């Protein structure tokens, strides 16, 4: 992978449609055919998501604004500056040493330089607090996006155009992106990597042959905190427009199932009672190969 592709991957935001931009076309073409590049993009997105999760719920300390204003007022009272000298450096007004008479007691006057040192420390503390606040605000505003519900995801899935090229034949699934146990099918007809710019995701797309002869399409990709989906497929389709679509999260993966009718949806979804009784084969839904 050359340096230009690495820069394109690193420049992709966690949320957005960067891969749909014209300047990102080389990256979109590459990850559609190169699983290594697709994994690199997923790792980059996971790092962004980790940073987002770390800072998303960090509250602004209570009373921070008032404490900063108080610190500024205290530091202004400690040291008073006069206009700069010809050298351009500010000088501090120091109290003149006391005039000591014959019977005067010894008097010790503290130099204003000690106050200047305290002032610098206060300013450094204020600057540090302000910098931390700015960084937190930047990450929260830049990386935190709106939540995505099952209805919204199902509606979006109806517009995904996978295309007819780039499919891999054979009854195999990707080991790290397996088909869910909730789906029952007899065969994987074909599989393909598919980029979803809308969610900055590289999905594994499967075309399946169902038990009663129908077909189904399943998209599998990594879940992020933005997705608020059920933990199992719903009892009925969650969206319909000539298609039946269901979306859920299981094992840290988002699953989106698209079928042509309610009958095929019911044929594809395994009843909950069968999930615990069926014979598991390599963690998949049926005895097929993995890659």
Foldseek 3Di string as FASTA:
>chain_A
DDPVLVVLLLPDAQAAQSCPDPVNVVLQVCVQQPVVSQVVSVVSSVVLLVVLVVLQPDDDDPPPVVVLVVLVVVLCVLFDWDDDDPVRDIDTDWDDDDDADPPRDDDDDDTSVVSVVVSVVSVVVSVVSVVVVVVSVVSNVRRDDAAAEFLNVQVVVVPDDQDDPAKAAFFAAALVFADALQFAADGFGIWGWDADSNRSWTWIWTWTQFPVGFIKIKTKTFDGPRYDYAAFWDPFFSDDDQWGWTWHDHPRMIMIMIGRDRVVVVRTGHPPVVSVVDDDDSNHNDPGHYD
